[in-house]
Every structure is written in C-alpha cells, then in structure tokens.
Amino acid sequence: MAVLLCGEFWCENYDFAELTAIAAENGPWALKSNMLVTRSAHAQASIHGRQHHGFQFASSLQLAFSDFHVWPTSSPYMLFPTIIQRSHVKDWGVSIRALPNASLCVVDSIELKKSIESKQHEYILVRVRHPDSTRFAIFIVDRCPSSKISIRRLMPSQSMPSGSCSPSSPPAASDTVTISPDGDESKITVGQHGPCETLSTLTFPVLHPTVLDFSTLLEVVNSHAPFYTVDEFQCYWYAGATFEVIKREYNATETVNSSTKLERASCKGYPLKKEDTTPMLRKEFAARKDLYVKECEEQQRARDAPLIAVDIFHLNFVFQLTMHI
C-alpha cells in the first residue's frame, strides 16, 4: 500500500508500513527527507487525493491516516496552526528544530501570567515574530500534573489534615505548548485557564532569543525535573524558572505589574517552596544548545544535498534491456 506525497517542489513515494516504522522507531516525531511524521490527536484524515496542510495525498486505496500527521518541514504550521494546537514541549522542540528558518523566528516578549480563580495556575505567554508572517505567533507554556492532584495538597504541610501524606511516586509533569491559531491570545489564556493577570513582562532591547533557543530551554527545564511535585516542581516553578533563565541569558528588561495583588509562586496566599535552580539550568541550557547546533548543522547539510529521484521501474527496464543487447 503506497502513499504519494507531493509538496510544492518535490514528490516522493512512501510505503504506508515504512511511515509507521519511521514513527515507531523515532518516537512521537520523525523526520525523513522533506517530510515530518507525527502521532497527533488532530491528525485524523482520510487520504484520497485531497489537500491537507500543503500536501496533496493520493493513493490507489483510501487510507485511514488516524495516527499520523504529515506536513512539509518548511511549513510555518508549527507556529501558525489552523486550530488550537497543544504539544508536549519535547515533541514541539523536535518540530521546531525541523524548521529551516527557526533561527530567524525571534521571541518578541514573554509574560508571566497567573489565573485569578481556581488553583491560581501560573504559566507564560510568548509572542514570536516569524519572517514570513505579518502577525505574531502566540502561545502559552505551562506545567500540569499528568494525573489529578487536590488543591489541598498545594498548601503547606501544617495546613493539611493530620494523617495525610504525599504519594510515594509523583506523577509525570505534563509540560505543554498551546498555540493560538489566529493570534487571539484570549483563546489560550482565558479559554484554557480562566481570567488571569500579568505578573511581569520581559522585553529584549538588544539580544532576542530565537524560537529555537526557547524550545531548547523548555526541554531543558522539563528534563531537569520531569515529575510534578506539589511542594516544589509544579507550575509555579516551571514558569518561574523558564522566565528567570531567559531574563538572565538575554539581558531582558523586566516590567513588573505593580497594580496586581497576585503574588508569584503562591497559591491562595500561601507562598510555596522555591529553590533557585537558575544557575544549574543555565549550564544545562548552554550544553543542550551546543548539542542542537551541531545537529542542526548536520541536518542543514543534509537538506542542502541534492535530492536524487530514482525510478526503480525504469532502472529495471534499462537493466533488462541491456541484458538482451
């Protein structure tokens, strides 16, 4: 069963089993030639000669492409989706590194946000400028537990009922990037976490981080503390640590919102444990950036190499013809 993938400048044939093998071997994302394959809840399409995110899919048989999503790696889809797009920071980082112009997409500003209601969730709102777009790519980054945790467990131990205890193994942290499809930030702020206020804003008078730098940092912070712990490595830590590393690495200007009564790293007025992990994270960030720069250079060399289309049928025909002469 074959799938014909036609981009704007190229056309290649892939076997359906080959596509599934690529994704299975390389995790949630896989890069092959000019094609990106991902497992995605949004990637449900019946492929039968129809347009889908810049590709024309064609096949002699109708295929149910329910577990995989394919689009050209040069597409700005990763920053400008057609619907609200939510991805784990590691998966999103892979897709950003696959963008040839990722180093040209720069972060314009970062806001530290806090929900007014419920658990007073903290997260960051990011605006990115893309060289091929007149509008900002807008997304939020936040941490949640992979399983439900009672808000009572966020309070200091002395305020908890006697006999209560924390679980022996904390849940994995769900660190995600949620992207607005049309630049409307309310869809991913108020729409996702209810009314909120901005605590602080970072702007960059001289040196701007690129979206590649930012995606790398998100992975580093996730790897540093991959589990959600209510006493330390929760949403407050993740948003605050990311905010502080960017601020120091790029000499950003911080503007504090003096009109809000909400406080950073606190829940319902209770301050939470806060360890300064910024120095260690900056070292890990530098090391990961160096690693990805080398990988990016290798990928760029591979992209610059000429694509040679080989028609097996015609090769066999020429070979058989030669044998008969």
C-alpha atoms as a PDB file:
ATOM      1  CA  MET A   1       0.000   0.000   0.000  1.00  0.00           C
ATOM      2  CA  ALA A   2       1.754   3.180  -1.180  1.00  0.00           C
ATOM      3  CA  VAL A   3       1.215   6.844  -0.447  1.00  0.00           C
ATOM      4  CA  LEU A   4       2.217   9.586  -2.862  1.00  0.00           C
ATOM      5  CA  LEU A   5       3.298  12.735  -1.045  1.00  0.00           C
ATOM      6  CA  CYS A   6       3.504  15.802  -3.260  1.00  0.00           C
ATOM      7  CA  GLY A   7       4.928  19.046  -1.914  1.00  0.00           C
ATOM      8  CA  GLU A   8       5.384  22.282  -3.773  1.00  0.00           C
ATOM      9  CA  PHE A   9       8.823  21.412  -5.083  1.00  0.00           C
ATOM     10  CA  TRP A  10       9.096  17.653  -4.792  1.00  0.00           C
ATOM     11  CA  CYS A  11       7.227  14.393  -4.988  1.00  0.00           C
ATOM     12  CA  GLU A  12       8.105  11.129  -3.282  1.00  0.00           C
ATOM     13  CA  ASN A  13       6.531   7.698  -2.821  1.00  0.00           C
ATOM     14  CA  TYR A  14       6.433   6.044   0.579  1.00  0.00           C
ATOM     15  CA  ASP A  15       5.047   2.733   1.672  1.00  0.00           C
ATOM     16  CA  PHE A  16       2.478   3.061   4.463  1.00  0.00           C
ATOM     17  CA  ALA A  17       4.288   0.423   6.514  1.00  0.00           C
ATOM     18  CA  GLU A  18       7.515   2.405   6.107  1.00  0.00           C
ATOM     19  CA  LEU A  19       5.867   5.529   7.524  1.00  0.00           C
ATOM     20  CA  THR A  20       4.590   3.690  10.570  1.00  0.00           C
ATOM     21  CA  ALA A  21       8.010   2.114  11.101  1.00  0.00           C
ATOM     22  CA  ILE A  22       9.705   5.515  10.950  1.00  0.00           C
ATOM     23  CA  ALA A  23       7.435   6.941  13.633  1.00  0.00           C
ATOM     24  CA  ALA A  24       7.667   3.821  15.796  1.00  0.00           C
ATOM     25  CA  GLU A  25      11.471   3.872  15.743  1.00  0.00           C
ATOM     26  CA  ASN A  26      11.890   7.600  16.332  1.00  0.00           C
ATOM     27  CA  GLY A  27       9.237   8.313  18.935  1.00  0.00           C
ATOM     28  CA  PRO A  28       6.389  10.805  18.598  1.00  0.00           C
ATOM     29  CA  TRP A  29       8.115  12.669  15.771  1.00  0.00           C
ATOM     30  CA  ALA A  30      10.233  11.548  12.865  1.00  0.00           C
ATOM     31  CA  LEU A  31      11.994  13.440  10.104  1.00  0.00           C
ATOM     32  CA  LYS A  32      12.533  11.838   6.720  1.00  0.00           C
ATOM     33  CA  SER A  33      13.790  13.859   3.774  1.00  0.00           C
ATOM     34  CA  ASN A  34      11.390  16.812   3.405  1.00  0.00           C
ATOM     35  CA  MET A  35       8.665  15.143   5.426  1.00  0.00           C
ATOM     36  CA  LEU A  36       7.666  15.259   9.059  1.00  0.00           C
ATOM     37  CA  VAL A  37       5.621  12.465  10.603  1.00  0.00           C
ATOM     38  CA  THR A  38       3.938  12.793  13.981  1.00  0.00           C
ATOM     39  CA  ARG A  39       1.427  10.996  16.122  1.00  0.00           C
ATOM     40  CA  SER A  40      -1.263  13.606  16.764  1.00  0.00           C
ATOM     41  CA  ALA A  41      -4.799  13.674  18.058  1.00  0.00           C
ATOM     42  CA  HIS A  42      -5.514  16.355  15.471  1.00  0.00           C
ATOM     43  CA  ALA A  43      -4.085  14.330  12.606  1.00  0.00           C
ATOM     44  CA  GLN A  44      -7.142  12.390  11.535  1.00  0.00           C
ATOM     45  CA  ALA A  45      -7.594  12.460   7.791  1.00  0.00           C
ATOM     46  CA  SER A  46      -8.878  10.137   5.117  1.00  0.00           C
ATOM     47  CA  ILE A  47      -6.339  10.319   2.354  1.00  0.00           C
ATOM     48  CA  HIS A  48      -7.825  10.111  -1.099  1.00  0.00           C
ATOM     49  CA  GLY A  49      -6.477  12.813  -3.394  1.00  0.00           C
ATOM     50  CA  ARG A  50      -7.272  15.666  -1.006  1.00  0.00           C
ATOM     51  CA  GLN A  51      -5.365  18.749   0.124  1.00  0.00           C
ATOM     52  CA  HIS A  52      -4.116  18.666   3.731  1.00  0.00           C
ATOM     53  CA  HIS A  53      -1.736  21.287   5.154  1.00  0.00           C
ATOM     54  CA  GLY A  54       0.013  21.949   1.849  1.00  0.00           C
ATOM     55  CA  PHE A  55       0.240  18.350   0.660  1.00  0.00           C
ATOM     56  CA  GLN A  56      -1.709  16.518  -1.991  1.00  0.00           C
ATOM     57  CA  PHE A  57      -2.240  12.958  -0.825  1.00  0.00           C
ATOM     58  CA  ALA A  58      -3.101  10.318  -3.396  1.00  0.00           C
ATOM     59  CA  SER A  59      -3.404   6.565  -3.255  1.00  0.00           C
ATOM     60  CA  SER A  60      -4.984   3.767  -5.212  1.00  0.00           C
ATOM     61  CA  LEU A  61      -6.756   2.828  -1.993  1.00  0.00           C
ATOM     62  CA  GLN A  62      -8.329   5.050   0.631  1.00  0.00           C
ATOM     63  CA  LEU A  63      -6.217   5.081   3.776  1.00  0.00           C
ATOM     64  CA  ALA A  64      -7.144   5.878   7.334  1.00  0.00           C
ATOM     65  CA  PHE A  65      -4.235   8.043   8.485  1.00  0.00           C
ATOM     66  CA  SER A  66      -5.605   8.242  12.021  1.00  0.00           C
ATOM     67  CA  ASP A  67      -2.353   8.120  13.996  1.00  0.00           C
ATOM     68  CA  PHE A  68      -0.021  10.169  11.862  1.00  0.00           C
ATOM     69  CA  HIS A  69       0.149  13.691  10.571  1.00  0.00           C
ATOM     70  CA  VAL A  70       2.398  14.678   7.674  1.00  0.00           C
ATOM     71  CA  TRP A  71       3.398  18.150   6.538  1.00  0.00           C
ATOM     72  CA  PRO A  72       6.446  19.810   4.928  1.00  0.00           C
ATOM     73  CA  THR A  73       9.100  20.741   7.467  1.00  0.00           C
ATOM     74  CA  SER A  74       9.420  24.241   5.999  1.00  0.00           C
ATOM     75  CA  SER A  75       5.761  24.966   6.777  1.00  0.00           C
ATOM     76  CA  PRO A  76       5.016  27.562   9.489  1.00  0.00           C
ATOM     77  CA  TYR A  77       2.258  25.211  10.736  1.00  0.00           C
ATOM     78  CA  MET A  78       4.191  24.610  13.955  1.00  0.00           C
ATOM     79  CA  LEU A  79       3.717  28.290  14.838  1.00  0.00           C
ATOM     80  CA  PHE A  80       0.511  29.103  12.948  1.00  0.00           C
ATOM     81  CA  PRO A  81      -1.824  26.085  13.198  1.00  0.00           C
ATOM     82  CA  THR A  82      -5.326  26.097  11.779  1.00  0.00           C
ATOM     83  CA  ILE A  83      -6.786  25.072  15.140  1.00  0.00           C
ATOM     84  CA  ILE A  84      -5.573  25.373  18.739  1.00  0.00           C
ATOM     85  CA  GLN A  85      -2.520  23.130  18.791  1.00  0.00           C
ATOM     86  CA  ARG A  86      -1.296  21.539  22.026  1.00  0.00           C
ATOM     87  CA  SER A  87       2.001  19.625  22.150  1.00  0.00           C
ATOM     88  CA  HIS A  88       4.380  18.335  24.775  1.00  0.00           C
ATOM     89  CA  VAL A  89       7.464  20.571  24.931  1.00  0.00           C
ATOM     90  CA  LYS A  90       9.727  17.744  23.752  1.00  0.00           C
ATOM     91  CA  ASP A  91       7.581  16.968  20.719  1.00  0.00           C
ATOM     92  CA  TRP A  92       7.261  20.648  19.930  1.00  0.00           C
ATOM     93  CA  GLY A  93      11.022  21.073  20.245  1.00  0.00           C
ATOM     94  CA  VAL A  94      11.603  18.372  17.640  1.00  0.00           C
ATOM     95  CA  SER A  95       9.223  20.086  15.221  1.00  0.00           C
ATOM     96  CA  ILE A  96      10.865  23.477  15.791  1.00  0.00           C
ATOM     97  CA  ARG A  97      14.330  22.058  15.128  1.00  0.00           C
ATOM     98  CA  ALA A  98      12.999  20.697  11.847  1.00  0.00           C
ATOM     99  CA  LEU A  99      12.081  24.203  10.680  1.00  0.00           C
ATOM    100  CA  PRO A 100      14.819  25.532   8.352  1.00  0.00           C
ATOM    101  CA  ASN A 101      14.085  29.135   9.381  1.00  0.00           C
ATOM    102  CA  ALA A 102      13.695  28.518  13.127  1.00  0.00           C
ATOM    103  CA  SER A 103      16.779  30.624  13.830  1.00  0.00           C
ATOM    104  CA  LEU A 104      15.044  33.581  12.130  1.00  0.00           C
ATOM    105  CA  CYS A 105      11.925  33.385  14.318  1.00  0.00           C
ATOM    106  CA  VAL A 106      12.608  35.598  17.338  1.00  0.00           C
ATOM    107  CA  VAL A 107      10.836  35.982  20.655  1.00  0.00           C
ATOM    108  CA  ASP A 108       9.380  39.470  20.970  1.00  0.00           C
ATOM    109  CA  SER A 109       8.064  39.318  24.533  1.00  0.00           C
ATOM    110  CA  ILE A 110       7.275  36.923  27.373  1.00  0.00           C
ATOM    111  CA  GLU A 111       4.611  37.446  30.025  1.00  0.00           C
ATOM    112  CA  LEU A 112       4.326  35.600  33.328  1.00  0.00           C
ATOM    113  CA  LYS A 113       0.582  35.049  33.809  1.00  0.00           C
ATOM    114  CA  LYS A 114      -1.463  33.929  36.807  1.00  0.00           C
ATOM    115  CA  SER A 115      -5.033  32.708  36.874  1.00  0.00           C
ATOM    116  CA  ILE A 116      -7.306  34.606  39.222  1.00  0.00           C
ATOM    117  CA  GLU A 117      -9.608  31.724  40.044  1.00  0.00           C
ATOM    118  CA  SER A 118      -9.319  28.064  40.980  1.00  0.00           C
ATOM    119  CA  LYS A 119      -5.729  26.941  41.650  1.00  0.00           C
ATOM    120  CA  GLN A 120      -4.185  30.268  40.581  1.00  0.00           C
ATOM    121  CA  HIS A 121      -2.269  28.500  37.870  1.00  0.00           C
ATOM    122  CA  GLU A 122       0.904  30.217  36.620  1.00  0.00           C
ATOM    123  CA  TYR A 123       2.163  29.998  33.044  1.00  0.00           C
ATOM    124  CA  ILE A 124       3.951  32.077  30.439  1.00  0.00           C
ATOM    125  CA  LEU A 125       2.614  33.751  27.312  1.00  0.00           C
ATOM    126  CA  VAL A 126       5.051  34.114  24.411  1.00  0.00           C
ATOM    127  CA  ARG A 127       4.941  36.209  21.245  1.00  0.00           C
ATOM    128  CA  VAL A 128       7.191  35.209  18.353  1.00  0.00           C
ATOM    129  CA  ARG A 129       7.908  37.016  15.097  1.00  0.00           C
ATOM    130  CA  HIS A 130       8.089  34.810  12.003  1.00  0.00           C
ATOM    131  CA  PRO A 131       9.982  36.178   8.951  1.00  0.00           C
ATOM    132  CA  ASP A 132       7.207  35.050   6.596  1.00  0.00           C
ATOM    133  CA  SER A 133       4.262  36.413   8.578  1.00  0.00           C
ATOM    134  CA  THR A 134       2.976  39.885   9.398  1.00  0.00           C
ATOM    135  CA  ARG A 135       1.449  38.748  12.698  1.00  0.00           C
ATOM    136  CA  PHE A 136       2.862  37.266  15.872  1.00  0.00           C
ATOM    137  CA  ALA A 137       2.780  33.584  16.658  1.00  0.00           C
ATOM    138  CA  ILE A 138       1.261  33.459  20.147  1.00  0.00           C
ATOM    139  CA  PHE A 139       1.399  30.532  22.533  1.00  0.00           C
ATOM    140  CA  ILE A 140       1.406  29.664  26.206  1.00  0.00           C
ATOM    141  CA  VAL A 141       3.651  27.237  28.062  1.00  0.00           C
ATOM    142  CA  ASP A 142       2.572  25.595  31.288  1.00  0.00           C
ATOM    143  CA  ARG A 143       3.043  22.621  33.582  1.00  0.00           C
ATOM    144  CA  CYS A 144       0.286  20.415  34.932  1.00  0.00           C
ATOM    145  CA  PRO A 145       0.362  17.009  36.616  1.00  0.00           C
ATOM    146  CA  SER A 146      -0.380  14.060  34.368  1.00  0.00           C
ATOM    147  CA  SER A 147      -2.937  12.928  36.933  1.00  0.00           C
ATOM    148  CA  LYS A 148      -5.293  14.940  39.137  1.00  0.00           C
ATOM    149  CA  ILE A 149      -3.985  16.389  42.394  1.00  0.00           C
ATOM    150  CA  SER A 150      -6.165  18.017  45.041  1.00  0.00           C
ATOM    151  CA  ILE A 151      -5.589  21.705  45.625  1.00  0.00           C
ATOM    152  CA  ARG A 152      -5.336  20.923  49.374  1.00  0.00           C
ATOM    153  CA  ARG A 153      -2.037  19.216  48.653  1.00  0.00           C
ATOM    154  CA  LEU A 154      -0.640  22.506  47.361  1.00  0.00           C
ATOM    155  CA  MET A 155      -0.929  24.048  50.808  1.00  0.00           C
ATOM    156  CA  PRO A 156       1.925  23.961  53.363  1.00  0.00           C
ATOM    157  CA  SER A 157       2.118  20.749  55.399  1.00  0.00           C
ATOM    158  CA  GLN A 158       0.912  22.431  58.617  1.00  0.00           C
ATOM    159  CA  SER A 159      -2.370  23.346  56.930  1.00  0.00           C
ATOM    160  CA  MET A 160      -3.076  19.779  55.806  1.00  0.00           C
ATOM    161  CA  PRO A 161      -5.197  17.355  57.833  1.00  0.00           C
ATOM    162  CA  SER A 162      -3.279  15.046  60.140  1.00  0.00           C
ATOM    163  CA  GLY A 163      -2.574  11.641  58.705  1.00  0.00           C
ATOM    164  CA  SER A 164      -2.436  12.895  55.126  1.00  0.00           C
ATOM    165  CA  CYS A 165       0.686  12.184  53.149  1.00  0.00           C
ATOM    166  CA  SER A 166       2.044  12.644  49.690  1.00  0.00           C
ATOM    167  CA  PRO A 167       2.253   9.713  47.270  1.00  0.00           C
ATOM    168  CA  SER A 168       5.440   7.674  47.112  1.00  0.00           C
ATOM    169  CA  SER A 169       5.898   8.377  43.412  1.00  0.00           C
ATOM    170  CA  PRO A 170       4.806  11.723  41.955  1.00  0.00           C
ATOM    171  CA  PRO A 171       3.058  11.880  38.587  1.00  0.00           C
ATOM    172  CA  ALA A 172       4.947  12.827  35.458  1.00  0.00           C
ATOM    173  CA  ALA A 173       4.807  16.504  34.608  1.00  0.00           C
ATOM    174  CA  SER A 174       2.768  17.434  31.565  1.00  0.00           C
ATOM    175  CA  ASP A 175       4.708  20.401  30.170  1.00  0.00           C
ATOM    176  CA  THR A 176       2.952  21.678  27.081  1.00  0.00           C
ATOM    177  CA  VAL A 177       2.917  24.390  24.440  1.00  0.00           C
ATOM    178  CA  THR A 178      -0.542  25.591  23.385  1.00  0.00           C
ATOM    179  CA  ILE A 179      -0.615  27.722  20.226  1.00  0.00           C
ATOM    180  CA  SER A 180      -3.318  30.155  19.160  1.00  0.00           C
ATOM    181  CA  PRO A 181      -4.441  29.588  15.553  1.00  0.00           C
ATOM    182  CA  ASP A 182      -5.326  33.206  14.803  1.00  0.00           C
ATOM    183  CA  GLY A 183      -3.317  35.369  17.189  1.00  0.00           C
ATOM    184  CA  ASP A 184      -6.200  35.653  19.658  1.00  0.00           C
ATOM    185  CA  GLU A 185      -4.437  35.136  22.978  1.00  0.00           C
ATOM    186  CA  SER A 186      -7.699  35.010  24.953  1.00  0.00           C
ATOM    187  CA  LYS A 187      -8.476  31.622  23.381  1.00  0.00           C
ATOM    188  CA  ILE A 188      -5.434  30.073  25.016  1.00  0.00           C
ATOM    189  CA  THR A 189      -5.327  32.127  28.224  1.00  0.00           C
ATOM    190  CA  VAL A 190      -8.872  32.821  29.423  1.00  0.00           C
ATOM    191  CA  GLY A 191     -10.191  29.992  27.264  1.00  0.00           C
ATOM    192  CA  GLN A 192      -7.820  27.467  28.850  1.00  0.00           C
ATOM    193  CA  HIS A 193      -7.292  28.752  32.392  1.00  0.00           C
ATOM    194  CA  GLY A 194      -9.961  31.355  33.070  1.00  0.00           C
ATOM    195  CA  PRO A 195      -9.481  35.051  33.905  1.00  0.00           C
ATOM    196  CA  CYS A 196      -5.858  35.953  34.553  1.00  0.00           C
ATOM    197  CA  GLU A 197      -3.472  38.811  35.224  1.00  0.00           C
ATOM    198  CA  THR A 198       0.031  39.531  34.029  1.00  0.00           C
ATOM    199  CA  LEU A 199       2.594  39.486  36.844  1.00  0.00           C
ATOM    200  CA  SER A 200       5.682  40.507  34.844  1.00  0.00           C
ATOM    201  CA  THR A 201       6.736  41.050  31.239  1.00  0.00           C
ATOM    202  CA  LEU A 202      10.113  40.505  29.574  1.00  0.00           C
ATOM    203  CA  THR A 203      11.203  42.506  26.544  1.00  0.00           C
ATOM    204  CA  PHE A 204      14.501  42.329  24.704  1.00  0.00           C
ATOM    205  CA  PRO A 205      16.199  45.636  23.929  1.00  0.00           C
ATOM    206  CA  VAL A 206      19.264  44.093  22.262  1.00  0.00           C
ATOM    207  CA  LEU A 207      19.531  40.314  22.142  1.00  0.00           C
ATOM    208  CA  HIS A 208      16.418  38.314  21.281  1.00  0.00           C
ATOM    209  CA  PRO A 209      16.141  34.560  21.891  1.00  0.00           C
ATOM    210  CA  THR A 210      15.026  32.631  18.837  1.00  0.00           C
ATOM    211  CA  VAL A 211      12.152  30.185  18.940  1.00  0.00           C
ATOM    212  CA  LEU A 212      14.849  27.519  18.594  1.00  0.00           C
ATOM    213  CA  ASP A 213      16.544  28.772  21.766  1.00  0.00           C
ATOM    214  CA  PHE A 214      13.243  28.945  23.591  1.00  0.00           C
ATOM    215  CA  SER A 215      12.133  25.434  22.616  1.00  0.00           C
ATOM    216  CA  THR A 216      15.510  24.118  23.760  1.00  0.00           C
ATOM    217  CA  LEU A 217      15.108  25.775  27.160  1.00  0.00           C
ATOM    218  CA  LEU A 218      11.635  24.284  27.601  1.00  0.00           C
ATOM    219  CA  GLU A 219      13.098  20.818  27.053  1.00  0.00           C
ATOM    220  CA  VAL A 220      15.933  21.505  29.486  1.00  0.00           C
ATOM    221  CA  VAL A 221      13.581  22.637  32.266  1.00  0.00           C
ATOM    222  CA  ASN A 222      11.394  19.593  31.651  1.00  0.00           C
ATOM    223  CA  SER A 223      14.377  17.216  31.768  1.00  0.00           C
ATOM    224  CA  HIS A 224      15.693  18.852  34.936  1.00  0.00           C
ATOM    225  CA  ALA A 225      12.503  17.955  36.833  1.00  0.00           C
ATOM    226  CA  PRO A 226      10.358  15.572  34.776  1.00  0.00           C
ATOM    227  CA  PHE A 227       7.964  14.805  37.646  1.00  0.00           C
ATOM    228  CA  TYR A 228       5.301  17.042  39.145  1.00  0.00           C
ATOM    229  CA  THR A 229       5.792  17.530  42.881  1.00  0.00           C
ATOM    230  CA  VAL A 230       3.352  19.726  44.762  1.00  0.00           C
ATOM    231  CA  ASP A 231       5.939  21.101  47.163  1.00  0.00           C
ATOM    232  CA  GLU A 232       8.458  22.268  44.559  1.00  0.00           C
ATOM    233  CA  PHE A 233       8.317  21.286  40.897  1.00  0.00           C
ATOM    234  CA  GLN A 234       4.822  22.487  39.988  1.00  0.00           C
ATOM    235  CA  CYS A 235       3.529  25.090  37.536  1.00  0.00           C
ATOM    236  CA  TYR A 236       4.968  27.933  39.610  1.00  0.00           C
ATOM    237  CA  TRP A 237       8.465  26.504  39.421  1.00  0.00           C
ATOM    238  CA  TYR A 238       8.303  25.656  35.714  1.00  0.00           C
ATOM    239  CA  ALA A 239       7.006  29.055  34.616  1.00  0.00           C
ATOM    240  CA  GLY A 240       9.256  30.952  37.012  1.00  0.00           C
ATOM    241  CA  ALA A 241      12.421  29.007  36.140  1.00  0.00           C
ATOM    242  CA  THR A 242      11.877  29.453  32.401  1.00  0.00           C
ATOM    243  CA  PHE A 243      11.161  33.147  32.911  1.00  0.00           C
ATOM    244  CA  GLU A 244      14.298  33.720  35.007  1.00  0.00           C
ATOM    245  CA  VAL A 245      16.689  31.824  32.728  1.00  0.00           C
ATOM    246  CA  ILE A 246      15.519  33.771  29.675  1.00  0.00           C
ATOM    247  CA  LYS A 247      15.765  37.022  31.606  1.00  0.00           C
ATOM    248  CA  ARG A 248      19.402  36.444  32.594  1.00  0.00           C
ATOM    249  CA  GLU A 249      20.618  34.740  29.433  1.00  0.00           C
ATOM    250  CA  TYR A 250      19.403  37.522  27.156  1.00  0.00           C
ATOM    251  CA  ASN A 251      19.669  40.552  29.469  1.00  0.00           C
ATOM    252  CA  ALA A 252      15.932  41.105  29.153  1.00  0.00           C
ATOM    253  CA  THR A 253      14.127  44.054  30.667  1.00  0.00           C
ATOM    254  CA  GLU A 254      11.507  43.022  33.235  1.00  0.00           C
ATOM    255  CA  THR A 255       8.447  45.181  33.789  1.00  0.00           C
ATOM    256  CA  VAL A 256       6.558  44.209  36.936  1.00  0.00           C
ATOM    257  CA  ASN A 257       2.816  44.785  37.064  1.00  0.00           C
ATOM    258  CA  SER A 258       2.512  46.893  40.215  1.00  0.00           C
ATOM    259  CA  SER A 259      -1.270  47.083  40.008  1.00  0.00           C
ATOM    260  CA  THR A 260      -1.948  43.396  40.608  1.00  0.00           C
ATOM    261  CA  LYS A 261      -2.473  41.998  44.101  1.00  0.00           C
ATOM    262  CA  LEU A 262      -1.494  38.497  42.984  1.00  0.00           C
ATOM    263  CA  GLU A 263       1.909  37.181  44.033  1.00  0.00           C
ATOM    264  CA  ARG A 264       4.340  34.937  42.187  1.00  0.00           C
ATOM    265  CA  ALA A 265       4.793  31.334  43.327  1.00  0.00           C
ATOM    266  CA  SER A 266       1.901  31.390  45.772  1.00  0.00           C
ATOM    267  CA  CYS A 267      -1.457  29.643  45.934  1.00  0.00           C
ATOM    268  CA  LYS A 268      -4.366  31.360  47.661  1.00  0.00           C
ATOM    269  CA  GLY A 269      -1.914  33.498  49.607  1.00  0.00           C
ATOM    270  CA  TYR A 270       0.321  30.604  50.693  1.00  0.00           C
ATOM    271  CA  PRO A 271       3.925  31.014  49.479  1.00  0.00           C
ATOM    272  CA  LEU A 272       5.392  27.830  48.044  1.00  0.00           C
ATOM    273  CA  LYS A 273       8.853  26.352  48.447  1.00  0.00           C
ATOM    274  CA  LYS A 274      11.206  27.872  45.936  1.00  0.00           C
ATOM    275  CA  GLU A 275      14.766  26.752  45.262  1.00  0.00           C
ATOM    276  CA  ASP A 276      16.872  28.836  42.887  1.00  0.00           C
ATOM    277  CA  THR A 277      17.661  26.366  40.095  1.00  0.00           C
ATOM    278  CA  THR A 278      18.548  29.133  37.627  1.00  0.00           C
ATOM    279  CA  PRO A 279      22.386  28.695  37.699  1.00  0.00           C
ATOM    280  CA  MET A 280      22.164  24.959  37.080  1.00  0.00           C
ATOM    281  CA  LEU A 281      19.523  25.381  34.385  1.00  0.00           C
ATOM    282  CA  ARG A 282      21.670  27.958  32.582  1.00  0.00           C
ATOM    283  CA  LYS A 283      24.553  25.464  32.408  1.00  0.00           C
ATOM    284  CA  GLU A 284      22.246  22.721  31.139  1.00  0.00           C
ATOM    285  CA  PHE A 285      20.752  25.150  28.630  1.00  0.00           C
ATOM    286  CA  ALA A 286      24.179  26.083  27.240  1.00  0.00           C
ATOM    287  CA  ALA A 287      25.165  22.434  26.877  1.00  0.00           C
ATOM    288  CA  ARG A 288      21.918  21.477  25.152  1.00  0.00           C
ATOM    289  CA  LYS A 289      22.170  24.444  22.773  1.00  0.00           C
ATOM    290  CA  ASP A 290      25.679  23.386  21.714  1.00  0.00           C
ATOM    291  CA  LEU A 291      24.433  19.864  21.069  1.00  0.00           C
ATOM    292  CA  TYR A 292      21.485  21.046  18.975  1.00  0.00           C
ATOM    293  CA  VAL A 293      23.621  23.497  16.995  1.00  0.00           C
ATOM    294  CA  LYS A 294      25.781  20.595  15.861  1.00  0.00           C
ATOM    295  CA  GLU A 295      22.711  18.520  14.998  1.00  0.00           C
ATOM    296  CA  CYS A 296      21.166  21.470  13.147  1.00  0.00           C
ATOM    297  CA  GLU A 297      24.318  21.947  11.069  1.00  0.00           C
ATOM    298  CA  GLU A 298      24.261  18.279  10.116  1.00  0.00           C
ATOM    299  CA  GLN A 299      20.562  18.472   9.175  1.00  0.00           C
ATOM    300  CA  GLN A 300      21.182  21.611   7.128  1.00  0.00           C
ATOM    301  CA  ARG A 301      23.938  19.884   5.181  1.00  0.00           C
ATOM    302  CA  ALA A 302      21.566  17.003   4.523  1.00  0.00           C
ATOM    303  CA  ARG A 303      18.831  19.399   3.347  1.00  0.00           C
ATOM    304  CA  ASP A 304      21.258  21.203   1.049  1.00  0.00           C
ATOM    305  CA  ALA A 305      22.315  17.947  -0.587  1.00  0.00           C
ATOM    306  CA  PRO A 306      20.589  17.398  -3.959  1.00  0.00           C
ATOM    307  CA  LEU A 307      17.600  15.073  -3.902  1.00  0.00           C
ATOM    308  CA  ILE A 308      18.072  12.299  -6.426  1.00  0.00           C
ATOM    309  CA  ALA A 309      14.890  10.651  -7.606  1.00  0.00           C
ATOM    310  CA  VAL A 310      15.388   7.043  -8.596  1.00  0.00           C
ATOM    311  CA  ASP A 311      12.723   5.243 -10.611  1.00  0.00           C
ATOM    312  CA  ILE A 312      13.143   1.565  -9.808  1.00  0.00           C
ATOM    313  CA  PHE A 313      10.832   0.528 -12.622  1.00  0.00           C
ATOM    314  CA  HIS A 314      12.856   2.306 -15.270  1.00  0.00           C
ATOM    315  CA  LEU A 315      16.131   1.096 -13.801  1.00  0.00           C
ATOM    316  CA  ASN A 316      14.908  -2.486 -14.029  1.00  0.00           C
ATOM    317  CA  PHE A 317      13.697  -1.870 -17.553  1.00  0.00           C
ATOM    318  CA  VAL A 318      17.056  -0.448 -18.635  1.00  0.00           C
ATOM    319  CA  PHE A 319      18.893  -3.287 -16.926  1.00  0.00           C
ATOM    320  CA  GLN A 320      16.778  -5.950 -18.652  1.00  0.00           C
ATOM    321  CA  LEU A 321      17.119  -4.151 -21.973  1.00  0.00           C
ATOM    322  CA  THR A 322      20.901  -4.073 -21.565  1.00  0.00           C
ATOM    323  CA  MET A 323      20.985  -7.782 -20.768  1.00  0.00           C
ATOM    324  CA  HIS A 324      19.210  -8.553 -24.042  1.00  0.00           C
ATOM    325  CA  ILE A 325      21.551  -6.484 -26.217  1.00  0.00           C
END
